[in-house]
Protein backbone atom coordinates (compact mmCIF):
# COMPACT_ATOMS: atom_id res chain seq x y z
CA UNK A 1 -12.12 -11.19 2.97
CA UNK A 2 -10.55 -8.51 4.87
CA UNK A 3 -11.79 -4.74 4.87
CA UNK A 4 -9.32 -2.14 5.29
CA UNK A 5 -9.84 2.30 5.02
CA UNK A 6 -6.86 4.80 2.96
CA UNK A 7 -8.38 7.42 4.83
CA UNK A 8 -5.20 9.26 6.34
CA UNK A 9 -2.96 11.72 5.38
CA UNK A 10 -4.64 13.77 3.50
CA UNK A 11 -7.09 16.58 3.84
CA UNK A 12 -8.56 16.06 6.60
CA UNK A 13 -7.41 12.48 7.05
CA UNK A 14 -3.84 15.41 7.89
CA UNK A 15 -4.75 16.69 11.48
CA UNK A 16 -3.49 14.82 14.81
CA UNK A 17 -7.08 14.38 16.47
CA UNK A 18 -8.85 12.91 13.05
CA UNK A 19 -5.77 10.46 12.87
CA UNK A 20 -5.93 8.96 16.62
CA UNK A 21 -9.85 9.17 16.93
CA UNK A 22 -9.83 6.84 12.94
CA UNK A 23 -6.92 5.03 14.03
CA UNK A 24 -9.04 4.08 17.25
CA UNK A 25 -11.75 3.98 15.53
CA UNK A 26 -11.14 1.63 12.75
CA UNK A 27 -9.51 -0.72 15.24
CA UNK A 28 -12.21 -0.97 17.30
CA UNK A 29 -14.92 -1.92 14.37
CA UNK A 30 -12.37 -4.77 13.12
CA UNK A 31 -11.32 -2.93 9.74
CA UNK A 32 -7.69 -4.84 9.18
CA UNK A 33 -5.44 -2.32 7.71
CA UNK A 34 -4.83 1.83 7.70
CA UNK A 35 -3.97 2.22 4.64
CA UNK A 36 -1.78 6.26 3.42
CA UNK A 37 -0.24 7.59 0.35
CA UNK A 38 2.57 9.35 -0.82
CA UNK A 39 3.10 12.75 -3.02
CA UNK A 40 5.89 14.78 -1.04
CA UNK A 41 5.64 16.69 -4.31
CA UNK A 42 2.67 18.49 -6.15
CA UNK A 43 1.95 20.39 -9.10
CA UNK A 44 -0.51 22.80 -9.92
CA UNK A 45 -0.39 22.43 -13.85
CA UNK A 46 1.59 18.37 -13.92
CA UNK A 47 3.32 17.38 -16.46
CA UNK A 48 2.97 14.03 -16.07
CA UNK A 49 -0.70 12.08 -16.91
CA UNK A 50 -1.84 10.34 -13.53
CA UNK A 51 -2.49 6.94 -14.44
CA UNK A 52 -5.31 6.13 -11.87
CA UNK A 53 -8.28 8.12 -13.60
CA UNK A 54 -9.51 7.68 -16.91
CA UNK A 55 -9.13 11.92 -17.22
CA UNK A 56 -5.34 12.38 -15.67
CA UNK A 57 -5.73 14.36 -13.56
CA UNK A 58 -5.62 13.92 -9.46
CA UNK A 59 -8.57 14.25 -7.69
CA UNK A 60 -6.33 15.64 -5.05
CA UNK A 61 -5.65 19.70 -4.78
CA UNK A 62 -2.57 20.27 -5.89
CA UNK A 63 -2.70 22.87 -2.35
CA UNK A 64 -3.98 19.53 -0.40
CA UNK A 65 -2.34 19.18 3.20
CA UNK A 66 -0.29 15.68 2.24
CA UNK A 67 1.78 13.82 5.31
CA UNK A 68 4.33 12.09 4.87
CA UNK A 69 3.17 7.83 5.58
CA UNK A 70 5.01 6.48 7.40
CA UNK A 71 4.74 9.21 9.83
CA UNK A 72 1.47 8.82 9.67
CA UNK A 73 1.17 5.49 9.88
CA UNK A 74 3.28 5.80 13.11
CA UNK A 75 1.13 7.54 15.08
CA UNK A 76 -1.64 6.06 14.13
CA UNK A 77 0.23 2.84 15.19
CA UNK A 78 1.49 4.65 18.80
CA UNK A 79 -2.68 4.95 19.28
CA UNK A 80 -3.93 1.53 18.91
CA UNK A 81 -3.56 -2.17 19.34
CA UNK A 82 -4.07 -4.69 16.67
CA UNK A 83 -4.96 -3.20 13.44
CA UNK A 84 -2.24 -3.07 10.86
CA UNK A 85 -0.57 -0.04 8.79
CA UNK A 86 0.40 0.29 5.18
CA UNK A 87 2.21 2.11 2.89
CA UNK A 88 -0.17 3.12 -0.54
CA UNK A 89 1.74 2.89 -2.10
CA UNK A 90 5.48 5.09 -0.84
CA UNK A 91 7.25 5.66 -4.23
CA UNK A 92 10.60 4.46 -3.28
CA UNK A 93 12.76 5.05 -6.16
CA UNK A 94 12.69 8.65 -3.93
CA UNK A 95 14.18 8.17 -1.70
CA UNK A 96 17.31 6.42 -0.23
CA UNK A 97 16.63 3.48 0.61
CA UNK A 98 19.70 2.79 3.84
CA UNK A 99 17.33 4.82 5.19
CA UNK A 100 14.04 4.21 4.34
CA UNK A 101 15.12 0.34 5.73
CA UNK A 102 16.09 2.11 8.59
CA UNK A 103 12.90 3.88 9.04
CA UNK A 104 10.22 0.81 7.83
CA UNK A 105 12.23 -1.60 10.40
CA UNK A 106 12.32 1.18 13.32
CA UNK A 107 8.00 1.24 12.68
CA UNK A 108 7.94 -1.91 11.99
CA UNK A 109 9.39 -2.65 15.78
CA UNK A 110 7.36 -0.37 17.64
CA UNK A 111 4.72 -1.59 15.69
CA UNK A 112 4.58 -4.77 16.85
CA UNK A 113 5.14 -6.22 12.80
CA UNK A 114 1.97 -4.54 12.05
CA UNK A 115 3.24 -2.61 8.71
CA UNK A 116 3.10 -3.67 5.66
CA UNK A 117 5.14 -1.67 3.36
CA UNK A 118 3.48 -0.60 -0.47
CA UNK A 119 5.74 0.71 -3.29
CA UNK A 120 5.52 2.74 -7.14
CA UNK A 121 8.17 3.47 -8.84
CA UNK A 122 6.05 6.88 -9.18
CA UNK A 123 4.47 9.24 -12.06
CA UNK A 124 4.96 12.04 -11.82
CA UNK A 125 8.34 14.10 -13.60
CA UNK A 126 7.74 17.45 -12.04
CA UNK A 127 8.34 15.58 -8.55
CA UNK A 128 11.47 13.11 -9.35
CA UNK A 129 12.36 16.85 -11.62
CA UNK A 130 12.86 18.64 -7.92
CA UNK A 131 14.43 15.43 -6.03
CA UNK A 132 17.14 15.23 -8.47
CA UNK A 133 15.94 11.50 -9.33
CA UNK A 134 15.92 11.05 -12.58
CA UNK A 135 12.44 9.72 -13.97
CA UNK A 136 13.84 7.47 -16.26
CA UNK A 137 14.93 3.27 -15.23
CA UNK A 138 12.47 4.38 -11.95
CA UNK A 139 11.87 0.64 -12.37
CA UNK A 140 15.14 -0.87 -12.67
CA UNK A 141 15.97 1.74 -8.60
CA UNK A 142 12.63 0.53 -7.80
CA UNK A 143 14.24 -3.05 -7.69
CA UNK A 144 17.65 -2.30 -6.75
CA UNK A 145 16.55 -0.38 -4.03
CA UNK A 146 14.22 -3.22 -2.06
CA UNK A 147 17.46 -5.58 -2.89
CA UNK A 148 19.37 -3.75 -1.37
CA UNK A 149 16.87 -2.77 1.77
CA UNK A 150 15.75 -7.01 2.14
CA UNK A 151 20.16 -7.43 2.55
CA UNK A 152 19.63 -5.01 5.22
CA UNK A 153 17.10 -6.45 6.96
CA UNK A 154 18.25 -9.70 6.58
CA UNK A 155 21.67 -9.52 7.31
CA UNK A 156 23.45 -8.72 10.90
CA UNK A 157 26.08 -6.85 8.48
CA UNK A 158 25.69 -6.07 5.17
CA UNK A 159 26.97 -5.71 1.33
CA UNK A 160 25.04 -4.80 -1.32
CA UNK A 161 27.15 -3.76 -4.96
CA UNK A 162 24.78 -1.92 -7.75
CA UNK A 163 24.78 0.29 -9.81
CA UNK A 164 22.49 2.37 -8.07
CA UNK A 165 23.12 1.65 -4.63
CA UNK A 166 26.49 -0.34 -2.53
CA UNK A 167 27.28 -0.93 0.76
CA UNK A 168 30.24 -2.98 1.76
CA UNK A 169 29.84 -4.45 6.12
CA UNK A 170 27.56 -2.44 7.37
CA UNK A 171 25.03 -2.41 10.18
CA UNK A 172 21.59 -0.76 9.76
CA UNK A 173 19.17 -2.13 12.89
CA UNK A 174 16.83 -2.65 15.02
CA UNK A 175 15.40 -5.14 12.50
CA UNK A 176 11.99 -6.34 12.13
CA UNK A 177 9.58 -7.22 14.30
CA UNK A 178 10.28 -11.12 13.13
CA UNK A 179 13.21 -11.56 11.60
CA UNK A 180 14.58 -10.30 8.56
CA UNK A 181 10.83 -9.88 6.87
CA UNK A 182 8.56 -6.30 6.50
CA UNK A 183 5.43 -7.85 3.51
CA UNK A 184 6.71 -5.57 0.51
CA UNK A 185 3.55 -5.39 -1.79
CA UNK A 186 3.82 -3.18 -5.27
CA UNK A 187 1.44 -0.90 -6.23
CA UNK A 188 0.11 -0.26 -10.53
CA UNK A 189 -2.66 -1.68 -12.18
CA UNK A 190 0.01 -2.17 -15.70
CA UNK A 191 1.09 -5.31 -16.80
CA UNK A 192 4.35 -4.00 -15.67
CA UNK A 193 3.65 -3.76 -12.58
CA UNK A 194 2.02 -6.94 -12.18
CA UNK A 195 5.17 -8.78 -12.91
CA UNK A 196 7.03 -7.38 -10.26
CA UNK A 197 4.61 -8.55 -7.55
CA UNK A 198 5.11 -11.62 -9.79
CA UNK A 199 9.00 -11.84 -9.69
CA UNK A 200 9.90 -9.75 -6.08
CA UNK A 201 6.69 -8.83 -4.52
CA UNK A 202 5.02 -10.41 -1.43
CA UNK A 203 1.36 -8.89 -3.25
CA UNK A 204 -0.25 -6.66 -4.92
CA UNK A 205 -2.27 -2.82 -4.16
CA UNK A 206 -4.55 -2.23 -7.11
CA UNK A 207 -5.33 1.24 -6.68
CA UNK A 208 -8.67 3.02 -8.62
CA UNK A 209 -9.95 0.16 -10.76
CA UNK A 210 -13.08 0.11 -13.15
CA UNK A 211 -15.29 -2.56 -11.59
CA UNK A 212 -14.92 -6.44 -10.65
CA UNK A 213 -15.39 -7.40 -14.43
CA UNK A 214 -11.42 -5.18 -13.97
CA UNK A 215 -9.94 -6.15 -10.79
CA UNK A 216 -10.74 -10.58 -11.94
CA UNK A 217 -8.46 -9.54 -15.29
CA UNK A 218 -6.19 -7.90 -13.86
CA UNK A 219 -5.84 -11.09 -11.70
CA UNK A 220 -5.36 -12.89 -14.10
CA UNK A 221 -2.55 -11.33 -15.35
CA UNK A 222 -0.67 -11.34 -12.38
CA UNK A 223 -1.26 -15.06 -12.10
CA UNK A 224 -0.20 -15.99 -15.59
CA UNK A 225 2.84 -14.39 -14.82
CA UNK A 226 3.34 -16.49 -11.03
CA UNK A 227 3.46 -19.69 -13.69
CA UNK A 228 6.19 -18.05 -15.84
CA UNK A 229 7.35 -16.47 -13.01
CA UNK A 230 8.13 -20.80 -11.35
CA UNK A 231 5.64 -19.40 -7.90
CA UNK A 232 2.42 -20.49 -6.78
CA UNK A 233 -0.37 -17.48 -8.02
CA UNK A 234 -2.14 -17.70 -4.76
CA UNK A 235 0.99 -16.29 -3.20
CA UNK A 236 0.64 -12.52 -3.34
CA UNK A 237 -1.65 -11.13 -1.69
CA UNK A 238 -4.56 -8.96 -3.54
CA UNK A 239 -5.90 -6.17 -1.95
CA UNK A 240 -7.78 -3.78 -4.34
CA UNK A 241 -10.04 -0.34 -4.28
CA UNK A 242 -12.35 -0.04 -6.01
CA UNK A 243 -13.92 3.23 -7.60
CA UNK A 244 -17.43 3.15 -7.29
CA UNK A 245 -17.12 0.42 -5.13
CA UNK A 246 -20.92 -2.20 -3.58
CA UNK A 247 -21.97 -4.35 -0.73
CA UNK A 248 -23.01 -6.26 -4.34
CA UNK A 249 -19.53 -6.66 -5.07
CA UNK A 250 -17.96 -9.09 -2.61
CA UNK A 251 -19.34 -12.09 -2.70
CA UNK A 252 -16.90 -11.90 -6.68
CA UNK A 253 -14.06 -10.09 -5.25
CA UNK A 254 -13.78 -12.76 -3.32
CA UNK A 255 -14.26 -15.22 -5.99
CA UNK A 256 -11.82 -13.46 -8.20
CA UNK A 257 -9.06 -14.35 -5.02
CA UNK A 258 -8.76 -10.54 -3.14
CA UNK A 259 -7.45 -10.73 0.58
CA UNK A 260 -8.98 -7.12 1.06
CA UNK A 261 -11.47 -4.51 -0.40
CA UNK A 262 -10.02 -0.68 0.29
CA UNK A 263 -12.21 1.96 1.34
CA UNK A 264 -10.53 4.91 -0.48
CA UNK A 265 -12.35 7.96 1.58
CA UNK A 266 -11.59 10.94 3.55
CA UNK A 267 -13.13 11.22 7.05
CA UNK A 268 -14.82 13.67 8.80
CA UNK A 269 -13.52 17.25 9.51
CA UNK A 270 -14.34 16.95 13.15
CA UNK A 271 -12.36 14.77 15.63
CA UNK A 272 -15.88 13.93 17.47
CA UNK A 273 -17.73 12.90 14.75
CA UNK A 274 -14.80 10.95 12.74
CA UNK A 275 -14.73 8.25 14.76
CA UNK A 276 -18.90 7.99 14.31
CA UNK A 277 -18.03 8.20 10.55
CA UNK A 278 -15.65 5.27 10.56
CA UNK A 279 -18.01 3.25 12.45
CA UNK A 280 -21.23 3.67 10.35
CA UNK A 281 -18.30 2.09 6.91
CA UNK A 282 -18.14 -0.86 9.88
CA UNK A 283 -21.74 -1.37 9.66
CA UNK A 284 -22.47 -0.97 6.17
CA UNK A 285 -19.13 -2.86 4.82
CA UNK A 286 -18.03 -5.74 7.50
CA UNK A 287 -21.56 -7.90 8.09
CA UNK A 288 -21.59 -8.74 4.50
CA UNK A 289 -17.29 -9.42 4.02
CA UNK A 290 -17.47 -11.72 7.58
CA UNK A 291 -20.40 -13.39 5.25
CA UNK A 292 -18.42 -14.33 1.67
CA UNK A 293 -18.67 -18.40 2.89
CA UNK A 294 -15.85 -20.88 2.36
CA UNK A 295 -17.49 -22.11 -0.81
CA UNK A 296 -17.06 -18.24 -2.64
CA UNK A 297 -13.48 -18.66 -1.04
CA UNK A 298 -12.33 -21.85 -1.99
CA UNK A 299 -13.37 -21.11 -5.92
CA UNK A 300 -9.44 -18.68 -5.53
CA UNK A 301 -7.64 -21.80 -6.80
CA UNK A 302 -10.14 -21.99 -9.88
CA UNK A 303 -9.82 -18.86 -11.16
């Protein structure tokens, strides 16, 4: 199992010097992925319930800095050599898919193929309203946008004729670092989100899950949907962030089939201390993750 870090783009993680320090330290200490999420709009009195907290309220203050993840991750990629970068998650139906296809391919090319595009359908009616995008049928819009983007990544001259997006014989360059391929993982913990992973996704990013049992149950549902879709249940990758992770969870997460445990935390505000903070996380978590046995990993196929 790998260890990821979701710490960039918000609050103290929105400062250039802190991004550099965290990214460099995470790369040096053996973290697998740097994650950054997205909200274009925050409001003081949201009309929609936040789906990843029992009280329905997002923990990030409305007035906090929240960087565009594609731009923030481009700085992280420029400061590093090997660590992967991932949007966790970008709200796909809020973007023009032709522009986003170019932006993602650009970042993937400049980072030598290190981008994972994590996407979601969105939950905030306020945000969609501010952007002038219909909240209704956002799932259908997301699936179609992704199909259009993959067409542009794959084809030298691409055409697409859908309900929400259409183009004819266009060239969008650059192409991804690996021909036609940027891994796309879906966020969301609901059955509907897991069904999207099984049918059109390369992986799942489960967020703020309440313990190992919840993770194992959701992975079981995902594998059932994969079988229904005629897909190998072990094919989609699985990254999860727990609400309160512990070192003792590692063996059970490996056995359940988790590929990456993502730590969600705010870095130190002082850039000189931010790198040390990453090192402390690595010394606490990575030895146990790296010691996860092949026998535990092999249990993945039995669940």
